[in-house]
Amino acid sequence: MMKRQLGQTDIFFPVPAALIVGGTNEEADLATIAWVGMLSSTPPIVGVSFDKRRYTLELIRKTKEFTVNIPSTEYYKETDYCGMVSGRNTNKFEKAGLTPTPGSKIETPIIKECPFNLECKVVQEIQLGDYVLLMGEIVETHIDEDKVEFVNNRPQIDISKTNPLVYCATVREYWELGKKLGNAFQSGKELLNK
């Protein structure tokens, strides 16, 4: 198959469609951000890239804290809405029917309706053109009880129950994940001795 060159793009898929909350339990805002990813395991660091004009970013800079909330696919309209309007003059929680819930380690709320939530403290900020990359150390992780079980004292998340919303940039589409294909660090073992 021949390859076609597309030039310099921001095409990268899929990525989580995350709802990032900044502020405090008394005054919070949320933004839909797709540029989110794990940067380190030890310590656990997540990276979130914001357009530098975002109101949520202003709130995060005041507190040096934020939460990453992964919605399930049933909340794709609410997630899209939160990326279309500014929190400067709109209460997005109220309009989208989402519930801010106090976190356990920081003053920034998590979103009750999202099955997976991370509480983070900012450890570094880097300017990248029109964007700001925030790196946050994960200080607590929340998941709905019915989506996790413990095997040998390790959490086993049922991704099919979590049903995370994913985003495909440039084509601007929301998708859900398909079926499980195999286990990481297991599936490729048959190729080790090939």
C-alpha atoms as a PDB file:
ATOM      1  CA  MET A   1       0.000   0.000   0.000  1.00  0.00           C
ATOM      2  CA  MET A   2       1.351   3.399  -0.966  1.00  0.00           C
ATOM      3  CA  LYS A   3       1.511   6.127   1.674  1.00  0.00           C
ATOM      4  CA  ARG A   4       0.231   9.656   1.124  1.00  0.00           C
ATOM      5  CA  GLN A   5       2.010  12.538   2.824  1.00  0.00           C
ATOM      6  CA  LEU A   6      -0.266  14.976   4.671  1.00  0.00           C
ATOM      7  CA  GLY A   7       2.345  17.460   5.841  1.00  0.00           C
ATOM      8  CA  GLN A   8       2.463  18.927   9.313  1.00  0.00           C
ATOM      9  CA  THR A   9      -0.866  18.128  11.031  1.00  0.00           C
ATOM     10  CA  ASP A  10      -2.392  17.614  14.464  1.00  0.00           C
ATOM     11  CA  ILE A  11      -3.936  14.310  13.402  1.00  0.00           C
ATOM     12  CA  PHE A  12      -3.525  11.750  16.173  1.00  0.00           C
ATOM     13  CA  PHE A  13      -6.216   9.317  17.152  1.00  0.00           C
ATOM     14  CA  PRO A  14      -7.905   8.216  19.195  1.00  0.00           C
ATOM     15  CA  VAL A  15      -7.364  10.432  22.213  1.00  0.00           C
ATOM     16  CA  PRO A  16      -9.521  10.698  25.318  1.00  0.00           C
ATOM     17  CA  ALA A  17     -12.201  13.356  25.243  1.00  0.00           C
ATOM     18  CA  ALA A  18     -11.578  14.625  28.758  1.00  0.00           C
ATOM     19  CA  LEU A  19     -13.389  17.165  30.877  1.00  0.00           C
ATOM     20  CA  ILE A  20     -10.761  19.158  32.772  1.00  0.00           C
ATOM     21  CA  VAL A  21     -11.901  21.040  35.855  1.00  0.00           C
ATOM     22  CA  GLY A  22     -10.097  24.038  37.315  1.00  0.00           C
ATOM     23  CA  GLY A  23     -10.898  26.188  40.320  1.00  0.00           C
ATOM     24  CA  THR A  24     -12.322  25.292  43.704  1.00  0.00           C
ATOM     25  CA  ASN A  25     -15.486  23.721  45.061  1.00  0.00           C
ATOM     26  CA  GLU A  26     -16.874  27.281  45.398  1.00  0.00           C
ATOM     27  CA  GLU A  27     -15.883  28.468  41.896  1.00  0.00           C
ATOM     28  CA  ALA A  28     -15.045  25.930  39.217  1.00  0.00           C
ATOM     29  CA  ASP A  29     -15.126  25.691  35.447  1.00  0.00           C
ATOM     30  CA  LEU A  30     -14.613  22.820  33.065  1.00  0.00           C
ATOM     31  CA  ALA A  31     -13.218  22.555  29.559  1.00  0.00           C
ATOM     32  CA  THR A  32     -13.297  19.792  26.987  1.00  0.00           C
ATOM     33  CA  ILE A  33      -9.715  18.908  26.138  1.00  0.00           C
ATOM     34  CA  ALA A  34      -8.536  16.141  23.829  1.00  0.00           C
ATOM     35  CA  TRP A  35      -4.800  16.756  24.206  1.00  0.00           C
ATOM     36  CA  VAL A  36      -4.397  14.610  27.323  1.00  0.00           C
ATOM     37  CA  GLY A  37      -2.003  11.750  28.018  1.00  0.00           C
ATOM     38  CA  MET A  38       0.149   9.934  30.552  1.00  0.00           C
ATOM     39  CA  LEU A  39       3.720  11.232  30.630  1.00  0.00           C
ATOM     40  CA  SER A  40       5.220   9.169  33.455  1.00  0.00           C
ATOM     41  CA  SER A  41       4.353   6.257  35.726  1.00  0.00           C
ATOM     42  CA  THR A  42       6.790   6.957  38.558  1.00  0.00           C
ATOM     43  CA  PRO A  43       5.646   9.435  39.685  1.00  0.00           C
ATOM     44  CA  PRO A  44       2.318   9.315  37.835  1.00  0.00           C
ATOM     45  CA  ILE A  45       2.259  12.470  35.687  1.00  0.00           C
ATOM     46  CA  VAL A  46      -0.470  13.407  33.218  1.00  0.00           C
ATOM     47  CA  GLY A  47      -0.082  16.084  30.550  1.00  0.00           C
ATOM     48  CA  VAL A  48      -2.909  18.377  29.463  1.00  0.00           C
ATOM     49  CA  SER A  49      -2.510  20.938  26.681  1.00  0.00           C
ATOM     50  CA  PHE A  50      -4.750  24.026  26.803  1.00  0.00           C
ATOM     51  CA  ASP A  51      -5.345  26.846  24.361  1.00  0.00           C
ATOM     52  CA  LYS A  52      -3.807  29.715  26.340  1.00  0.00           C
ATOM     53  CA  ARG A  53      -7.064  31.726  26.199  1.00  0.00           C
ATOM     54  CA  ARG A  54      -9.078  29.182  28.218  1.00  0.00           C
ATOM     55  CA  TYR A  55     -10.824  30.380  31.366  1.00  0.00           C
ATOM     56  CA  THR A  56     -10.290  26.963  32.974  1.00  0.00           C
ATOM     57  CA  LEU A  57      -6.533  27.446  32.532  1.00  0.00           C
ATOM     58  CA  GLU A  58      -6.746  30.761  34.422  1.00  0.00           C
ATOM     59  CA  LEU A  59      -8.444  28.997  37.336  1.00  0.00           C
ATOM     60  CA  ILE A  60      -5.853  26.204  37.340  1.00  0.00           C
ATOM     61  CA  ARG A  61      -3.030  28.723  37.444  1.00  0.00           C
ATOM     62  CA  LYS A  62      -4.545  30.254  40.600  1.00  0.00           C
ATOM     63  CA  THR A  63      -4.813  26.969  42.533  1.00  0.00           C
ATOM     64  CA  LYS A  64      -2.082  24.865  40.859  1.00  0.00           C
ATOM     65  CA  GLU A  65      -4.582  21.977  40.822  1.00  0.00           C
ATOM     66  CA  PHE A  66      -6.953  20.366  38.312  1.00  0.00           C
ATOM     67  CA  THR A  67      -8.977  17.238  37.746  1.00  0.00           C
ATOM     68  CA  VAL A  68      -9.138  15.055  34.659  1.00  0.00           C
ATOM     69  CA  ASN A  69     -12.565  13.482  34.185  1.00  0.00           C
ATOM     70  CA  ILE A  70     -13.173  10.850  31.504  1.00  0.00           C
ATOM     71  CA  PRO A  71     -16.815  10.770  30.391  1.00  0.00           C
ATOM     72  CA  SER A  72     -18.528   7.671  29.079  1.00  0.00           C
ATOM     73  CA  THR A  73     -19.933   7.731  25.552  1.00  0.00           C
ATOM     74  CA  GLU A  74     -23.442   8.550  26.779  1.00  0.00           C
ATOM     75  CA  TYR A  75     -22.168  12.048  27.667  1.00  0.00           C
ATOM     76  CA  TYR A  76     -20.784  12.964  24.248  1.00  0.00           C
ATOM     77  CA  LYS A  77     -23.238  15.858  23.729  1.00  0.00           C
ATOM     78  CA  GLU A  78     -22.480  17.358  27.132  1.00  0.00           C
ATOM     79  CA  THR A  79     -18.754  16.918  26.522  1.00  0.00           C
ATOM     80  CA  ASP A  80     -19.011  18.641  23.150  1.00  0.00           C
ATOM     81  CA  TYR A  81     -21.050  21.489  24.653  1.00  0.00           C
ATOM     82  CA  CYS A  82     -18.404  22.142  27.314  1.00  0.00           C
ATOM     83  CA  GLY A  83     -15.852  22.723  24.550  1.00  0.00           C
ATOM     84  CA  MET A  84     -18.076  25.144  22.656  1.00  0.00           C
ATOM     85  CA  VAL A  85     -18.819  27.823  25.274  1.00  0.00           C
ATOM     86  CA  SER A  86     -16.736  29.831  27.715  1.00  0.00           C
ATOM     87  CA  GLY A  87     -17.107  29.484  31.448  1.00  0.00           C
ATOM     88  CA  ARG A  88     -16.442  33.213  31.827  1.00  0.00           C
ATOM     89  CA  ASN A  89     -20.148  33.896  31.312  1.00  0.00           C
ATOM     90  CA  THR A  90     -21.789  30.452  31.438  1.00  0.00           C
ATOM     91  CA  ASN A  91     -22.124  27.898  34.229  1.00  0.00           C
ATOM     92  CA  LYS A  92     -21.256  24.846  32.147  1.00  0.00           C
ATOM     93  CA  PHE A  93     -21.916  22.418  34.995  1.00  0.00           C
ATOM     94  CA  GLU A  94     -25.490  23.656  35.252  1.00  0.00           C
ATOM     95  CA  LYS A  95     -26.174  23.901  31.506  1.00  0.00           C
ATOM     96  CA  ALA A  96     -24.703  20.446  30.782  1.00  0.00           C
ATOM     97  CA  GLY A  97     -26.371  18.821  33.786  1.00  0.00           C
ATOM     98  CA  LEU A  98     -23.050  17.750  35.312  1.00  0.00           C
ATOM     99  CA  THR A  99     -22.383  17.571  39.047  1.00  0.00           C
ATOM    100  CA  PRO A 100     -19.197  18.935  40.645  1.00  0.00           C
ATOM    101  CA  THR A 101     -18.250  16.692  43.570  1.00  0.00           C
ATOM    102  CA  PRO A 102     -15.486  17.442  46.088  1.00  0.00           C
ATOM    103  CA  GLY A 103     -12.267  15.547  45.523  1.00  0.00           C
ATOM    104  CA  SER A 104     -10.419  13.933  48.409  1.00  0.00           C
ATOM    105  CA  LYS A 105      -6.887  15.378  48.116  1.00  0.00           C
ATOM    106  CA  ILE A 106      -7.332  18.762  46.394  1.00  0.00           C
ATOM    107  CA  GLU A 107      -9.823  21.651  46.411  1.00  0.00           C
ATOM    108  CA  THR A 108     -10.817  21.194  42.752  1.00  0.00           C
ATOM    109  CA  PRO A 109     -13.965  19.104  42.221  1.00  0.00           C
ATOM    110  CA  ILE A 110     -14.316  15.961  40.136  1.00  0.00           C
ATOM    111  CA  ILE A 111     -17.387  15.287  37.943  1.00  0.00           C
ATOM    112  CA  LYS A 112     -19.827  12.770  39.425  1.00  0.00           C
ATOM    113  CA  GLU A 113     -21.187  11.587  36.055  1.00  0.00           C
ATOM    114  CA  CYS A 114     -17.711  10.691  34.722  1.00  0.00           C
ATOM    115  CA  PRO A 115     -16.784   7.097  35.637  1.00  0.00           C
ATOM    116  CA  PHE A 116     -13.040   7.863  35.897  1.00  0.00           C
ATOM    117  CA  ASN A 117     -11.440  10.879  37.577  1.00  0.00           C
ATOM    118  CA  LEU A 118      -7.902  11.999  38.417  1.00  0.00           C
ATOM    119  CA  GLU A 119      -6.968  14.620  41.011  1.00  0.00           C
ATOM    120  CA  CYS A 120      -3.762  16.395  39.979  1.00  0.00           C
ATOM    121  CA  LYS A 121      -1.319  18.983  41.284  1.00  0.00           C
ATOM    122  CA  VAL A 122       0.566  21.048  38.706  1.00  0.00           C
ATOM    123  CA  VAL A 123       4.294  20.271  38.696  1.00  0.00           C
ATOM    124  CA  GLN A 124       5.324  22.084  35.520  1.00  0.00           C
ATOM    125  CA  GLU A 125       4.016  24.351  32.774  1.00  0.00           C
ATOM    126  CA  ILE A 126       5.491  24.708  29.277  1.00  0.00           C
ATOM    127  CA  GLN A 127       4.468  27.223  26.606  1.00  0.00           C
ATOM    128  CA  LEU A 128       3.978  25.566  23.173  1.00  0.00           C
ATOM    129  CA  GLY A 129       2.952  28.165  20.596  1.00  0.00           C
ATOM    130  CA  ASP A 130      -0.691  29.044  21.258  1.00  0.00           C
ATOM    131  CA  TYR A 131      -0.940  26.240  23.818  1.00  0.00           C
ATOM    132  CA  VAL A 132       0.180  25.634  27.374  1.00  0.00           C
ATOM    133  CA  LEU A 133       1.165  22.139  28.460  1.00  0.00           C
ATOM    134  CA  LEU A 134       0.397  21.505  32.110  1.00  0.00           C
ATOM    135  CA  MET A 135       1.997  18.529  33.770  1.00  0.00           C
ATOM    136  CA  GLY A 136       0.139  17.314  36.818  1.00  0.00           C
ATOM    137  CA  GLU A 137       1.109  14.716  39.359  1.00  0.00           C
ATOM    138  CA  ILE A 138      -1.818  12.395  39.996  1.00  0.00           C
ATOM    139  CA  VAL A 139      -2.504  12.465  43.734  1.00  0.00           C
ATOM    140  CA  GLU A 140      -5.738  10.448  43.693  1.00  0.00           C
ATOM    141  CA  THR A 141      -7.687   8.289  41.247  1.00  0.00           C
ATOM    142  CA  HIS A 142     -11.446   7.662  41.398  1.00  0.00           C
ATOM    143  CA  ILE A 143     -13.522   5.097  39.509  1.00  0.00           C
ATOM    144  CA  ASP A 144     -17.153   4.059  39.828  1.00  0.00           C
ATOM    145  CA  GLU A 145     -17.338   0.996  42.087  1.00  0.00           C
ATOM    146  CA  ASP A 146     -19.197  -1.120  39.543  1.00  0.00           C
ATOM    147  CA  LYS A 147     -16.393  -0.702  36.984  1.00  0.00           C
ATOM    148  CA  VAL A 148     -13.496  -2.135  38.984  1.00  0.00           C
ATOM    149  CA  GLU A 149     -12.639  -5.274  40.909  1.00  0.00           C
ATOM    150  CA  PHE A 150      -9.490  -6.174  42.790  1.00  0.00           C
ATOM    151  CA  VAL A 151      -7.414  -9.209  41.826  1.00  0.00           C
ATOM    152  CA  ASN A 152      -4.381  -9.877  44.063  1.00  0.00           C
ATOM    153  CA  ASN A 153      -4.856  -6.388  45.560  1.00  0.00           C
ATOM    154  CA  ARG A 154      -4.523  -4.767  42.110  1.00  0.00           C
ATOM    155  CA  PRO A 155      -7.371  -2.868  40.470  1.00  0.00           C
ATOM    156  CA  GLN A 156      -8.755  -4.457  37.300  1.00  0.00           C
ATOM    157  CA  ILE A 157     -10.830  -1.874  35.440  1.00  0.00           C
ATOM    158  CA  ASP A 158     -13.613  -3.125  33.193  1.00  0.00           C
ATOM    159  CA  ILE A 159     -13.087  -0.835  30.204  1.00  0.00           C
ATOM    160  CA  SER A 160     -16.304  -2.043  28.542  1.00  0.00           C
ATOM    161  CA  LYS A 161     -18.298  -0.790  31.543  1.00  0.00           C
ATOM    162  CA  THR A 162     -16.334   2.460  31.679  1.00  0.00           C
ATOM    163  CA  ASN A 163     -16.980   2.934  27.945  1.00  0.00           C
ATOM    164  CA  PRO A 164     -14.688   5.988  27.600  1.00  0.00           C
ATOM    165  CA  LEU A 165     -15.457   8.627  25.010  1.00  0.00           C
ATOM    166  CA  VAL A 166     -12.643   9.136  22.499  1.00  0.00           C
ATOM    167  CA  TYR A 167     -12.020  11.917  20.004  1.00  0.00           C
ATOM    168  CA  CYS A 168     -10.487  11.848  16.538  1.00  0.00           C
ATOM    169  CA  ALA A 169      -8.845  15.172  15.745  1.00  0.00           C
ATOM    170  CA  THR A 170      -9.050  16.926  12.372  1.00  0.00           C
ATOM    171  CA  VAL A 171     -12.096  14.866  11.315  1.00  0.00           C
ATOM    172  CA  ARG A 172     -13.677  16.117  14.571  1.00  0.00           C
ATOM    173  CA  GLU A 173     -15.556  12.970  15.517  1.00  0.00           C
ATOM    174  CA  TYR A 174     -16.426  11.274  18.800  1.00  0.00           C
ATOM    175  CA  TRP A 175     -16.141   7.487  18.937  1.00  0.00           C
ATOM    176  CA  GLU A 176     -16.421   4.662  21.393  1.00  0.00           C
ATOM    177  CA  LEU A 177     -13.863   1.893  21.745  1.00  0.00           C
ATOM    178  CA  GLY A 178     -14.370  -1.426  20.004  1.00  0.00           C
ATOM    179  CA  LYS A 179     -13.658  -4.890  21.366  1.00  0.00           C
ATOM    180  CA  LYS A 180     -10.684  -6.084  23.371  1.00  0.00           C
ATOM    181  CA  LEU A 181      -8.065  -7.746  21.162  1.00  0.00           C
ATOM    182  CA  GLY A 182      -5.612  -9.048  23.743  1.00  0.00           C
ATOM    183  CA  ASN A 183      -3.526  -8.335  26.819  1.00  0.00           C
ATOM    184  CA  ALA A 184      -0.490  -6.043  26.805  1.00  0.00           C
ATOM    185  CA  PHE A 185       2.840  -7.734  27.546  1.00  0.00           C
ATOM    186  CA  GLN A 186       1.170 -11.085  26.767  1.00  0.00           C
ATOM    187  CA  SER A 187      -0.153 -10.953  23.203  1.00  0.00           C
ATOM    188  CA  GLY A 188       3.266 -10.496  21.591  1.00  0.00           C
ATOM    189  CA  LYS A 189       4.953 -13.371  23.420  1.00  0.00           C
ATOM    190  CA  GLU A 190       4.477 -15.767  20.508  1.00  0.00           C
ATOM    191  CA  LEU A 191       6.668 -13.472  18.396  1.00  0.00           C
ATOM    192  CA  LEU A 192       9.534 -13.414  20.930  1.00  0.00           C
ATOM    193  CA  ASN A 193      11.021 -16.725  19.747  1.00  0.00           C
ATOM    194  CA  LYS A 194      10.118 -16.388  16.095  1.00  0.00           C
END
